[in-house]
Each structure stands twice: as structure tokens, then as C-alpha cells.
Amino acid sequence: MNFRLYPRTRCILLWSLALCMLQPGWAQKNKQKAAAPPVSPDGKDMPDATIPLQPLGYQGAPVRYMLAGAVANSLHYVDPSHLLLTYRARMLIPRDGQEAQGDDGQMITAMLLEAPSGKVVAQTQWRMYDHGQYLWPIGRGVFLLRKGRQLSLLTPLAEVRKPDPLRDLAVGELPGTVSNIMVSPDGRMVIAEAELPTQHETTSPAAVAALPDPAAKAATVTPAQQGTDIQFLRLDLTDAAHGRITMSHAGHSVVASPLGFPLSGDGHLHAEMVSPDDWNVFYTPWRGGSTLLGDVVSTCAPQSTFLSGQEVLVVTCNGGDGNRAMAVVTLDKHELWQEKMNSDSTEPGVKTAIESGRFAISTLMRAGGGTSSPLDLMAVDSINAQRIEVRDIKNGMLVASVDALPVQRAGQNYSLSQDGMHLAVLQNDVIAIYDLAPVKDFPAHKIKPNDLIFVAATEKQEQTAKAAEVAAHAAAVIEAPLNVDERRTPPTLYTPEEKAEQARKAQEKNK
């Protein structure tokens, strides 16, 4: 049956619509609809669900503040059906006698949400003493929380936390201003670096008491000692579901300046330059000993990140920091795949979901490209986007690609669920949830020999590198299976030193 609207009827409908638009709240409701998250140009990455943030009291921080590296919000999956959302609360900051830890604190609201419904399960507030990162996912629904120098553990879904899911358990206090905290992908090792007080500063007795037993460690720290205190903390998450977590000190050292290195539960990586654009990558187990994994071609210091206990993501430069490539190599010296990154991307951040075999990588996109340099307040105007990609570890298959707005340099605005099936991103005034395709056994990217980023070390090269490291604790010039300099993109201008090095290598090769 067909219906026909007569002119009088159409006038009545238009008049009613005009009256609705004048009603309070109509514009606000439609404003929320207009704030729907952006999608990629190809239209494939539409969110499958959204959680409005305005009803939760959420207020975003200034864009320039977030681009400078400050942290005022975060988003983490606790399990595939729960999210932990935190954001800066605009309220008076109470004094608690610990203001000396920082002169510019903030209050943070934390919410445990059901996903994708957005139902609030629990809510609390935390007093912070600075604007650095304050929350790290450990795994199995466990989080490390930092309030100034104090470290706490958070287990929102543990049985014992049901009356108060967001109540944290203090586990210790660091002896100085925290400069860096690193967590292994499997959650078994945490490294906390803190700048020790100078002669004119004091440390609380609680901080000194929290230090490991000096008799069992190589270094003894006093409140007046300068440098960077490094504590190695080992976690046992076997019974994390019941809220029982074992934390023990695995090591302790004091160095001149912060280190920051890629780590797993069993060891760590470091790269040493052996010649221009040529780097040796070593793997060192915590129990001691060192293994040369191979040779990496890069015009900048390569960045490495453990994706699991065996796979490592290596990001390199070719002709400039802005022209980057990424590859995944294994501790048994195999390169699984490699791919060029966007030429104007910089400062990649990585989050991994080991059990699913996937990882998410976030890069900042600059307008106009150019070489990369450390971002500061003078450079933030050149950042125009933040790209978040989800890939399979084994083959590099692109699962999802999302541009996040507003851009956040610290990379706390997205999370990949532990099962690798959901990606959550803070998008304007909503949490956008993307349901990802099931994991499939795709073939890995083909790697051409003349495009290699990584060349596996032979047994002879590994022995030579170990001998040189023991003798001089310095990088050794090791002949690579494929001449490093021949892999440069022509034309190439060599310095006199590089020409001499080329001639020397050619003579040794002809012997």
C-alpha cells in the first residue's frame, strides 16, 4: 500500500521538526553523533561498537599537551570483555605530605568498564605527582601502577578484589624520580630506573627500606649517591586470577645514566655499531653469556622490541630517520618478514598480545615527511596523525589500520585484547572498538636477498664477536655474508674513511 503526503501534511511535519530542533538537548544528541570516530580512507576500518565518553565524565586533555608526551589518559584491555579507562579529573588536588615527589601533580579517574556495553563496573581516583606514564599492563589482567615513586599492583578482575576491584596493593617505593619503567611482553620481568637524589636532596626512610638487600647485590645505594638506580623485579603471575602475585628482586645496579633496552623474561638485546650503517645485534640471557644474532643494515641506531619470548621486531632507517623499515627476526637467527614503513612515520610504539600471535604498532605521521628527530614543543605542529596497525607476528599480515584522533605521543590511547580479536582506540568523544578477523595461517612476505635488513650470524662470526667483546668490550668489525655497503641504494657518496674501509675489505676478501 502506498501513502501520499499532501502539502498540508508536509507543512505540519516540517513545522514539527523545527520545534524539535529548538528543544533543549536536541543539538547535544546530534553533536554526539557527529563526533563519530574517523575511518581510514578506504573505509574498511569502521568501528563495530562505540562507548560514548561524555556520560562517563571524560574530558580530553589539550592536543599540544598530549603531543608533548604527557600522559593524562589511558586505555587498556583487562580481558576481552573489560576495559580499564583512566583520564585526568579536573578537580582540586588534595595535599598529602608527599608533594616533594613532584611539583605538578594531577588527579586521575579510573573506571573499569564492560565492553562493548560501556557499563561502569567500578570507579576510583588516584593522586599523581607528575605527568608521566603511570600504568603498565603486565598480563593476565594485572597492571603496574605508579604514583610518584610508589609502585603498586592492580588486579581488577581477581576474586579477592570483587568488593573493590580498583583497590591497588603497594609493593615498594623507588629511591628517586622515576625515569623509565620497562615490562617484558610475558610479564615476568620489570625494570624500574630512577634518578637518584643529588647531595642537596633527601630520600624518605621508606624509599631506602624498599631497596634490595645490599649484601646480596653488587652495589649499595645511599640517599646521597648520584646516578640512575636500576632495579630488576621478577613476577610470578601463576595465581594472578586469585589476586596472589609474587614479586622478587632479581638484580640491582647503579649506572651513570638511564639505559632503556628491549627485554624479555629471559634476557635482553643491544646493538653495537661496527661500521657506518652496519650494526651487530646481540642477545644476552639474564643468566649471563651473549649471542650474536646477526648484522643489521641501518643508517640510524636500530630499535628493537620483543614481541614474544622468541620474536623480535627491528625498526631500521635507510638514508634518513624518516625512511624506515620493519622486520621480525627470531632468536634462532631467522628473519620472518620485512616491510617498508610510511616514509614520514616516527617514534613507533608497540603493544603485543603473545597468546594470539599479534601485535599493534603506533606511529606518528608528519606532514611533508622529512627526517626524524626527537619531538619537542617546537616540533609538535608538524604531527598531523597517529596510525595504529595490527599485524600477525609470524607473517606480517595487516589485520587492521586505524588513524587515531586526537594524536597522543605517549601511545596510551589504544589497546589490543589478549586474544588478539579486539582493538580499542580513544577517538574524540568515544571509545571505538574494532572486532578483528580470526587468526589465519597466511604465507610470510617474500624477502629478496638484495633487500635484506637482517643477515644472520654464522657460528664463526659469533665466536669472533664474543672474543672481541670479552677482550675490549667493544664492537668488532665482522665480515658479513653479504657486503653491507653493496646493499645501499645507489648512487652512494663515500667519505675518504669509507673508501679506505672498502679497499681494506676487498683485499681481505681476495686473500
Protein backbone atom coordinates (compact mmCIF):
# COMPACT_ATOMS: atom_id res chain seq x y z
CA MET A 1 0.00 0.00 0.00
CA ASN A 2 1.38 3.43 -1.00
CA PHE A 3 0.97 6.57 1.08
CA ARG A 4 0.95 10.08 -0.31
CA LEU A 5 1.78 13.19 1.71
CA TYR A 6 -0.43 16.13 0.84
CA PRO A 7 1.03 19.69 1.03
CA ARG A 8 -0.72 20.40 4.35
CA THR A 9 0.67 17.22 5.86
CA ARG A 10 4.22 18.06 4.67
CA CYS A 11 3.96 21.51 6.26
CA ILE A 12 2.89 20.02 9.59
CA LEU A 13 5.87 17.59 9.54
CA LEU A 14 8.36 20.35 8.72
CA TRP A 15 6.94 22.58 11.47
CA SER A 16 7.17 19.71 13.99
CA LEU A 17 10.80 19.08 13.00
CA ALA A 18 11.62 22.76 13.54
CA LEU A 19 10.07 22.65 17.01
CA CYS A 20 12.13 19.53 17.89
CA MET A 21 15.33 21.28 16.87
CA LEU A 22 14.55 24.09 19.31
CA GLN A 23 14.09 21.69 22.23
CA PRO A 24 16.97 21.52 24.77
CA GLY A 25 19.26 18.55 24.26
CA TRP A 26 18.44 18.01 20.58
CA ALA A 27 21.63 19.66 19.37
CA GLN A 28 23.70 17.88 22.04
CA LYS A 29 22.39 14.46 20.99
CA ASN A 30 23.21 15.14 17.36
CA LYS A 31 26.60 16.59 18.33
CA GLN A 32 27.47 13.22 19.89
CA LYS A 33 26.51 11.52 16.64
CA ALA A 34 28.70 13.96 14.71
CA ALA A 35 31.65 13.03 16.93
CA ALA A 36 31.73 9.52 15.47
CA PRO A 37 35.33 8.31 15.07
CA PRO A 38 37.11 8.86 11.77
CA VAL A 39 37.78 5.94 9.46
CA SER A 40 40.60 5.15 7.07
CA PRO A 41 40.30 6.48 3.50
CA ASP A 42 39.45 3.02 2.13
CA GLY A 43 36.50 2.79 4.53
CA LYS A 44 37.43 -0.70 5.77
CA ASP A 45 38.14 0.13 9.39
CA MET A 46 34.74 1.15 10.65
CA PRO A 47 34.32 0.56 14.42
CA ASP A 48 32.00 -2.30 15.31
CA ALA A 49 30.93 -0.61 18.55
CA THR A 50 31.44 2.69 20.36
CA ILE A 51 31.26 3.68 24.02
CA PRO A 52 30.35 7.40 24.50
CA LEU A 53 32.78 9.11 26.87
CA GLN A 54 30.77 12.21 27.75
CA PRO A 55 28.31 10.34 30.03
CA LEU A 56 31.34 8.98 31.92
CA GLY A 57 32.54 12.50 32.75
CA TYR A 58 35.51 12.20 30.41
CA GLN A 59 37.22 15.42 29.31
CA GLY A 60 40.13 15.19 26.90
CA ALA A 61 43.45 16.92 27.50
CA PRO A 62 44.75 19.69 25.17
CA VAL A 63 46.22 18.32 21.95
CA ARG A 64 49.53 20.15 22.38
CA TYR A 65 49.82 18.72 25.90
CA MET A 66 49.42 15.17 24.56
CA LEU A 67 51.84 15.77 21.66
CA ALA A 68 54.50 16.89 24.12
CA GLY A 69 54.49 13.37 25.60
CA ALA A 70 52.45 14.00 28.75
CA VAL A 71 50.04 11.27 29.88
CA ALA A 72 46.58 12.32 31.05
CA ASN A 73 44.55 9.30 29.94
CA SER A 74 44.98 5.62 29.09
CA LEU A 75 43.01 2.70 27.72
CA HIS A 76 43.77 -0.97 28.42
CA TYR A 77 42.01 -4.29 27.95
CA VAL A 78 41.82 -6.22 31.24
CA ASP A 79 40.32 -9.20 29.42
CA PRO A 80 38.40 -9.39 26.11
CA SER A 81 35.19 -8.13 27.77
CA HIS A 82 36.54 -5.47 30.18
CA LEU A 83 38.39 -2.18 29.63
CA LEU A 84 40.31 -0.06 32.11
CA LEU A 85 39.86 3.63 31.24
CA THR A 86 41.73 6.41 33.04
CA TYR A 87 41.63 10.17 32.49
CA ARG A 88 42.60 13.42 34.16
CA ALA A 89 39.93 14.72 36.55
CA ARG A 90 39.53 18.49 36.69
CA MET A 91 39.35 18.99 40.42
CA LEU A 92 41.38 20.32 43.33
CA ILE A 93 44.41 18.22 44.21
CA PRO A 94 44.50 17.33 47.92
CA ARG A 95 47.72 17.74 49.85
CA ASP A 96 49.03 14.51 51.37
CA GLY A 97 52.50 15.42 52.62
CA GLN A 98 54.32 13.88 49.63
CA GLU A 99 54.33 16.94 47.36
CA ALA A 100 58.14 16.82 47.24
CA GLN A 101 57.81 13.91 44.77
CA GLY A 102 56.59 16.35 42.15
CA ASP A 103 55.55 19.97 41.85
CA ASP A 104 52.95 19.47 39.11
CA GLY A 105 50.56 16.67 40.03
CA GLN A 106 47.15 15.63 38.74
CA MET A 107 44.11 13.65 39.82
CA ILE A 108 43.27 10.62 37.67
CA THR A 109 39.85 8.99 37.46
CA ALA A 110 39.98 5.23 36.78
CA MET A 111 36.99 3.23 35.51
CA LEU A 112 36.52 -0.48 34.94
CA LEU A 113 34.09 -0.84 32.03
CA GLU A 114 32.28 -3.73 30.43
CA ALA A 115 32.93 -3.97 26.69
CA PRO A 116 31.27 -3.21 24.40
CA SER A 117 28.30 -2.05 26.52
CA GLY A 118 30.29 0.60 28.42
CA LYS A 119 28.68 -0.29 31.76
CA VAL A 120 30.72 1.07 34.69
CA VAL A 121 31.73 -1.81 36.99
CA ALA A 122 33.95 0.18 39.35
CA GLN A 123 35.40 3.67 39.68
CA THR A 124 38.09 5.33 41.79
CA GLN A 125 40.56 8.24 41.79
CA TRP A 126 44.34 8.28 42.06
CA ARG A 127 46.59 11.11 43.23
CA MET A 128 49.56 11.53 40.85
CA TYR A 129 52.68 13.64 41.33
CA ASP A 130 53.75 14.21 37.72
CA HIS A 131 52.51 13.86 34.14
CA GLY A 132 54.48 10.78 33.07
CA GLN A 133 53.17 7.30 32.33
CA TYR A 134 51.53 5.77 35.38
CA LEU A 135 50.02 2.46 34.22
CA TRP A 136 51.58 -0.62 32.56
CA PRO A 137 49.77 -3.85 31.64
CA ILE A 138 51.66 -6.87 32.97
CA GLY A 139 49.39 -9.59 31.57
CA ARG A 140 46.64 -11.90 32.86
CA GLY A 141 44.62 -8.87 33.99
CA VAL A 142 47.45 -7.48 36.16
CA PHE A 143 48.70 -3.87 35.99
CA LEU A 144 51.63 -1.99 37.47
CA LEU A 145 50.55 1.38 38.87
CA ARG A 146 52.97 4.21 39.67
CA LYS A 147 52.08 7.10 41.96
CA GLY A 148 55.21 9.22 42.02
CA ARG A 149 57.89 6.89 43.39
CA GLN A 150 55.47 4.33 44.79
CA LEU A 151 54.77 1.14 42.83
CA SER A 152 51.54 -0.82 43.25
CA LEU A 153 49.87 -3.82 41.64
CA LEU A 154 46.32 -3.74 40.34
CA THR A 155 44.19 -6.87 39.70
CA PRO A 156 40.69 -5.59 38.79
CA LEU A 157 39.13 -8.97 37.97
CA ALA A 158 40.69 -11.09 40.73
CA GLU A 159 38.22 -12.83 43.04
CA VAL A 160 39.58 -11.11 46.14
CA ARG A 161 39.06 -7.69 44.54
CA LYS A 162 35.30 -8.04 43.94
CA PRO A 163 34.28 -5.66 46.78
CA ASP A 164 36.72 -3.03 45.48
CA PRO A 165 38.13 -4.02 42.03
CA LEU A 166 40.34 -0.94 41.63
CA ARG A 167 41.99 -1.02 45.03
CA ASP A 168 45.75 -1.25 44.47
CA LEU A 169 48.33 -3.11 46.55
CA ALA A 170 51.56 -1.19 47.28
CA VAL A 171 54.71 -3.25 46.66
CA GLY A 172 57.53 -0.76 47.18
CA GLU A 173 58.94 2.72 46.73
CA LEU A 174 61.77 3.66 44.40
CA PRO A 175 64.68 5.74 45.76
CA GLY A 176 64.42 8.63 43.31
CA THR A 177 62.48 10.24 40.48
CA VAL A 178 61.33 7.52 38.10
CA SER A 179 62.82 7.94 34.62
CA ASN A 180 61.83 4.71 32.90
CA ILE A 181 59.87 1.51 33.53
CA MET A 182 60.02 -1.46 31.16
CA VAL A 183 57.88 -4.60 31.22
CA SER A 184 58.69 -7.78 29.31
CA PRO A 185 55.94 -8.99 26.91
CA ASP A 186 55.33 -12.09 29.03
CA GLY A 187 55.06 -10.02 32.23
CA ARG A 188 57.79 -11.97 34.04
CA MET A 189 60.34 -9.15 34.30
CA VAL A 190 60.02 -5.46 35.19
CA ILE A 191 62.91 -3.00 35.14
CA ALA A 192 62.49 0.28 37.04
CA GLU A 193 65.01 3.09 36.53
CA ALA A 194 65.07 6.03 38.94
CA GLU A 195 67.31 9.09 39.06
CA LEU A 196 68.94 9.16 42.47
CA PRO A 197 68.85 12.34 44.57
CA THR A 198 71.80 14.75 44.50
CA GLN A 199 73.77 15.82 47.56
CA HIS A 200 71.21 18.55 48.24
CA GLU A 201 68.16 16.26 48.18
CA THR A 202 66.86 13.76 50.68
CA THR A 203 65.21 10.38 50.35
CA SER A 204 62.49 9.13 52.66
CA PRO A 205 63.34 6.22 55.02
CA ALA A 206 60.63 4.19 53.30
CA ALA A 207 62.44 4.52 49.97
CA VAL A 208 65.73 3.34 51.46
CA ALA A 209 63.99 0.42 53.19
CA ALA A 210 62.47 -0.66 49.88
CA LEU A 211 65.89 -1.27 48.30
CA PRO A 212 67.03 -4.88 47.88
CA ASP A 213 69.40 -6.45 50.40
CA PRO A 214 72.79 -4.82 49.69
CA ALA A 215 74.60 -7.92 50.92
CA ALA A 216 73.09 -9.93 48.08
CA LYS A 217 73.71 -7.30 45.41
CA ALA A 218 76.79 -5.80 43.82
CA ALA A 219 76.00 -2.17 44.66
CA THR A 220 74.98 -0.41 47.83
CA VAL A 221 72.87 2.72 47.39
CA THR A 222 72.88 5.61 49.83
CA PRO A 223 70.48 8.57 49.83
CA ALA A 224 73.24 10.91 48.69
CA GLN A 225 74.56 8.78 45.81
CA GLN A 226 74.07 10.21 42.31
CA GLY A 227 73.26 8.35 39.11
CA THR A 228 70.47 6.02 37.97
CA ASP A 229 69.24 3.24 40.22
CA ILE A 230 68.11 0.18 38.24
CA GLN A 231 66.01 -2.49 39.90
CA PHE A 232 65.16 -5.80 38.24
CA LEU A 233 61.88 -7.20 39.52
CA ARG A 234 60.67 -10.70 38.69
CA LEU A 235 56.95 -11.51 38.79
CA ASP A 236 55.11 -14.80 39.12
CA LEU A 237 51.58 -14.49 37.69
CA THR A 238 50.63 -18.16 38.05
CA ASP A 239 47.88 -17.41 40.58
CA ALA A 240 47.03 -13.90 39.36
CA ALA A 241 43.36 -14.83 38.86
CA HIS A 242 43.03 -15.11 42.63
CA GLY A 243 44.94 -11.90 43.29
CA ARG A 244 48.10 -13.63 44.52
CA ILE A 245 51.21 -12.31 42.78
CA THR A 246 54.79 -12.95 43.81
CA MET A 247 57.32 -10.14 43.23
CA SER A 248 61.01 -10.60 43.98
CA HIS A 249 64.18 -8.61 43.33
CA ALA A 250 66.20 -10.31 40.60
CA GLY A 251 69.02 -7.76 40.45
CA HIS A 252 70.14 -4.25 41.24
CA SER A 253 72.68 -1.82 39.83
CA VAL A 254 73.62 1.86 39.75
CA VAL A 255 74.79 3.41 36.47
CA ALA A 256 75.69 6.90 35.31
CA SER A 257 72.56 7.49 33.20
CA PRO A 258 69.29 5.74 32.26
CA LEU A 259 69.65 2.80 29.88
CA GLY A 260 66.38 1.58 28.41
CA PHE A 261 66.76 -1.63 26.41
CA PRO A 262 64.45 -4.26 24.91
CA LEU A 263 63.86 -7.14 27.30
CA SER A 264 62.06 -10.43 27.65
CA GLY A 265 61.55 -12.63 30.68
CA ASP A 266 64.78 -14.48 29.83
CA GLY A 267 67.17 -11.80 28.53
CA HIS A 268 67.70 -8.54 26.69
CA LEU A 269 69.02 -7.14 23.39
CA HIS A 270 71.56 -4.50 22.48
CA ALA A 271 73.03 -3.21 19.20
CA GLU A 272 76.64 -2.16 18.58
CA MET A 273 77.83 -0.22 15.53
CA VAL A 274 80.68 -1.96 13.71
CA SER A 275 80.93 0.45 10.75
CA PRO A 276 78.78 3.20 9.22
CA ASP A 277 75.24 1.86 8.60
CA ASP A 278 76.22 -1.55 10.00
CA TRP A 279 75.13 -2.87 13.42
CA ASN A 280 75.62 -6.10 15.30
CA VAL A 281 72.62 -7.22 17.36
CA PHE A 282 73.37 -9.25 20.50
CA TYR A 283 71.07 -11.26 22.76
CA THR A 284 72.18 -11.64 26.38
CA PRO A 285 70.31 -14.00 28.75
CA TRP A 286 69.88 -12.81 32.33
CA ARG A 287 71.94 -15.78 33.49
CA GLY A 288 74.93 -14.46 31.52
CA GLY A 289 76.63 -15.08 28.18
CA SER A 290 75.97 -13.29 24.91
CA THR A 291 74.92 -14.41 21.42
CA LEU A 292 75.42 -12.53 18.16
CA LEU A 293 72.11 -12.79 16.33
CA GLY A 294 73.25 -11.09 13.17
CA ASP A 295 74.04 -7.99 11.20
CA VAL A 296 71.50 -5.17 10.71
CA VAL A 297 71.72 -2.53 7.98
CA SER A 298 70.55 0.87 9.20
CA THR A 299 71.62 4.50 8.90
CA CYS A 300 70.35 5.09 12.45
CA ALA A 301 70.58 3.02 15.63
CA PRO A 302 68.06 0.18 15.09
CA GLN A 303 65.13 -0.02 17.51
CA SER A 304 64.30 -3.49 18.81
CA THR A 305 61.23 -4.72 20.68
CA PHE A 306 60.39 -8.22 21.90
CA LEU A 307 57.03 -9.35 20.52
CA SER A 308 57.25 -12.67 22.38
CA GLY A 309 59.93 -14.76 24.02
CA GLN A 310 61.38 -15.61 20.58
CA GLU A 311 60.31 -12.99 18.03
CA VAL A 312 61.84 -9.51 17.88
CA LEU A 313 60.63 -6.50 15.89
CA VAL A 314 63.53 -4.47 14.44
CA VAL A 315 62.92 -0.98 13.02
CA THR A 316 65.67 0.47 10.81
CA CYS A 317 66.40 3.61 8.75
CA ASN A 318 67.55 3.86 5.16
CA GLY A 319 69.08 7.17 4.15
CA GLY A 320 67.29 9.13 6.86
CA ASP A 321 65.39 8.58 10.07
CA GLY A 322 62.10 9.30 8.32
CA ASN A 323 62.55 6.46 5.79
CA ARG A 324 62.06 3.36 7.89
CA ALA A 325 61.51 -0.36 7.52
CA MET A 326 60.49 -3.04 9.98
CA ALA A 327 61.38 -6.70 10.18
CA VAL A 328 60.68 -9.55 12.57
CA VAL A 329 63.61 -11.81 13.41
CA THR A 330 63.89 -14.73 15.82
CA LEU A 331 66.40 -15.63 18.48
CA ASP A 332 67.39 -18.65 16.38
CA LYS A 333 68.58 -16.20 13.69
CA HIS A 334 65.78 -16.22 11.11
CA GLU A 335 64.12 -13.22 9.50
CA LEU A 336 60.40 -13.98 9.20
CA TRP A 337 59.30 -10.95 7.16
CA GLN A 338 60.05 -7.32 6.46
CA GLU A 339 58.15 -4.32 5.14
CA LYS A 340 58.73 -0.64 4.47
CA MET A 341 57.03 1.79 6.83
CA ASN A 342 55.46 5.09 5.87
CA SER A 343 58.26 7.49 4.96
CA ASP A 344 57.07 10.20 7.34
CA SER A 345 56.41 7.98 10.38
CA THR A 346 58.44 8.31 13.55
CA GLU A 347 58.70 7.09 17.14
CA PRO A 348 56.97 3.70 16.74
CA GLY A 349 55.34 2.27 19.87
CA VAL A 350 54.47 -1.41 20.17
CA LYS A 351 51.94 -3.44 22.18
CA THR A 352 51.82 -7.19 21.84
CA ALA A 353 49.32 -9.97 22.56
CA ILE A 354 51.58 -13.01 22.81
CA GLU A 355 48.86 -15.64 23.15
CA SER A 356 47.18 -14.52 19.92
CA GLY A 357 50.37 -14.10 17.88
CA ARG A 358 49.53 -10.48 17.07
CA PHE A 359 50.90 -7.04 17.89
CA ALA A 360 49.82 -3.41 17.45
CA ILE A 361 52.25 -0.70 16.34
CA SER A 362 51.58 3.03 16.59
CA THR A 363 53.46 5.63 14.54
CA LEU A 364 53.19 9.40 14.40
CA MET A 365 52.68 10.80 10.92
CA ARG A 366 54.29 14.09 9.95
CA ALA A 367 53.05 16.45 7.29
CA GLY A 368 55.56 16.83 4.49
CA GLY A 369 57.85 13.98 5.53
CA GLY A 370 61.49 14.80 6.26
CA THR A 371 63.97 13.23 8.60
CA SER A 372 63.01 12.21 12.08
CA SER A 373 64.20 13.92 15.22
CA PRO A 374 63.19 13.79 18.88
CA LEU A 375 59.88 15.56 19.27
CA ASP A 376 59.66 18.62 21.48
CA LEU A 377 57.30 21.56 21.86
CA MET A 378 58.80 23.19 18.75
CA ALA A 379 58.08 20.13 16.57
CA VAL A 380 54.57 19.16 17.63
CA ASP A 381 52.95 21.36 14.98
CA SER A 382 54.31 19.04 12.26
CA ILE A 383 52.48 15.97 13.64
CA ASN A 384 49.15 15.52 11.89
CA ALA A 385 48.09 11.92 12.53
CA GLN A 386 48.65 8.77 14.58
CA ARG A 387 48.42 5.49 12.69
CA ILE A 388 47.69 2.27 14.61
CA GLU A 389 48.20 -1.03 12.80
CA VAL A 390 47.55 -4.59 13.98
CA ARG A 391 49.69 -7.29 12.39
CA ASP A 392 50.33 -11.01 12.75
CA ILE A 393 53.76 -11.68 14.26
CA LYS A 394 54.63 -14.71 12.13
CA ASN A 395 53.86 -13.31 8.68
CA GLY A 396 53.34 -9.55 8.99
CA MET A 397 49.79 -9.73 7.64
CA LEU A 398 47.99 -6.41 8.16
CA VAL A 399 44.83 -7.09 10.20
CA ALA A 400 43.65 -3.52 10.87
CA SER A 401 44.74 0.06 10.22
CA VAL A 402 43.21 2.97 12.15
CA ASP A 403 44.04 6.66 12.43
CA ALA A 404 43.51 7.90 15.99
CA LEU A 405 42.31 11.38 16.87
CA PRO A 406 43.42 13.25 18.85
CA VAL A 407 47.03 12.21 18.43
CA GLN A 408 48.81 11.02 21.57
CA ARG A 409 52.58 10.78 21.54
CA ALA A 410 52.77 8.54 24.62
CA GLY A 411 50.62 5.91 22.88
CA GLN A 412 48.33 5.20 25.83
CA ASN A 413 45.18 5.73 23.75
CA TYR A 414 44.81 2.25 22.28
CA SER A 415 44.83 -1.38 23.41
CA LEU A 416 44.88 -4.83 21.80
CA SER A 417 42.96 -7.53 23.67
CA GLN A 418 44.91 -10.57 24.86
CA ASP A 419 43.12 -12.85 22.41
CA GLY A 420 44.00 -10.53 19.51
CA MET A 421 40.35 -10.24 18.48
CA HIS A 422 39.58 -6.66 19.57
CA LEU A 423 41.27 -3.27 19.18
CA ALA A 424 40.06 -0.36 21.32
CA VAL A 425 41.03 3.23 20.45
CA LEU A 426 40.21 6.58 22.06
CA GLN A 427 38.58 8.53 19.21
CA ASN A 428 37.45 12.06 20.06
CA ASP A 429 34.48 11.57 22.43
CA VAL A 430 34.10 7.79 22.15
CA ILE A 431 35.96 4.54 22.69
CA ALA A 432 35.92 2.88 19.27
CA ILE A 433 36.03 -0.93 19.35
CA TYR A 434 37.14 -2.83 16.25
CA ASP A 435 36.42 -6.56 16.02
CA LEU A 436 39.31 -8.22 14.20
CA ALA A 437 39.31 -11.18 11.83
CA PRO A 438 40.32 -14.60 13.19
CA VAL A 439 43.99 -15.54 13.02
CA LYS A 440 44.82 -17.31 9.76
CA ASP A 441 47.96 -19.02 8.53
CA PHE A 442 48.92 -16.58 5.79
CA PRO A 443 52.24 -17.03 3.94
CA ALA A 444 55.02 -14.70 5.04
CA HIS A 445 56.24 -11.87 2.83
CA LYS A 446 58.95 -12.92 0.37
CA ILE A 447 62.33 -11.40 1.16
CA LYS A 448 64.72 -10.62 -1.66
CA PRO A 449 68.43 -11.20 -0.86
CA ASN A 450 69.44 -7.71 -2.02
CA ASP A 451 66.81 -6.10 0.22
CA LEU A 452 67.81 -7.82 3.45
CA ILE A 453 67.62 -5.78 6.63
CA PHE A 454 68.97 -8.60 8.77
CA VAL A 455 71.76 -11.07 7.97
CA ALA A 456 72.03 -13.99 10.37
CA ALA A 457 75.40 -14.51 12.01
CA THR A 458 77.38 -17.67 11.29
CA GLU A 459 78.95 -19.71 14.07
CA LYS A 460 82.40 -18.34 13.16
CA GLN A 461 81.19 -14.75 13.31
CA GLU A 462 79.54 -15.36 16.66
CA GLN A 463 82.78 -16.75 18.11
CA THR A 464 84.74 -13.79 16.74
CA ALA A 465 82.25 -11.32 18.20
CA LYS A 466 82.34 -12.99 21.61
CA ALA A 467 86.15 -12.92 21.68
CA ALA A 468 86.23 -9.25 20.73
CA GLU A 469 83.56 -8.38 23.31
CA VAL A 470 85.47 -10.13 26.07
CA ALA A 471 88.81 -8.62 25.06
CA ALA A 472 87.81 -4.99 24.54
CA HIS A 473 84.13 -4.80 25.42
CA ALA A 474 83.65 -3.09 22.08
CA ALA A 475 82.10 -3.91 18.73
CA ALA A 476 84.23 -5.88 16.28
CA VAL A 477 84.33 -5.35 12.51
CA ILE A 478 82.96 -8.64 11.19
CA GLU A 479 82.74 -9.60 7.56
CA ALA A 480 79.08 -10.09 6.64
CA PRO A 481 77.88 -12.87 4.27
CA LEU A 482 76.52 -10.12 2.03
CA ASN A 483 78.60 -6.97 1.76
CA VAL A 484 76.76 -4.31 3.74
CA ASP A 485 77.83 -1.38 1.62
CA GLU A 486 76.68 -3.07 -1.60
CA ARG A 487 73.14 -3.05 -0.24
CA ARG A 488 72.98 0.74 -0.18
CA THR A 489 70.61 2.38 -2.60
CA PRO A 490 72.71 3.88 -5.44
CA PRO A 491 74.03 6.42 -6.02
CA THR A 492 76.13 6.46 -2.86
CA LEU A 493 78.80 9.02 -1.92
CA TYR A 494 81.52 7.54 0.28
CA THR A 495 83.71 9.52 2.64
CA PRO A 496 87.51 9.02 2.41
CA GLU A 497 87.36 6.81 5.52
CA GLU A 498 84.62 4.65 3.98
CA LYS A 499 86.60 4.32 0.71
CA ALA A 500 89.62 3.13 2.68
CA GLU A 501 87.45 0.65 4.53
CA GLN A 502 86.06 -0.61 1.22
CA ALA A 503 89.56 -1.15 -0.13
CA ARG A 504 90.63 -3.00 3.02
CA LYS A 505 87.62 -5.31 2.85
CA ALA A 506 88.25 -6.03 -0.83
CA GLN A 507 91.88 -7.00 -0.08
CA GLU A 508 90.86 -9.32 2.76
CA LYS A 509 88.20 -10.92 0.56
CA ASN A 510 90.74 -11.69 -2.20
CA LYS A 511 93.22 -13.35 0.17
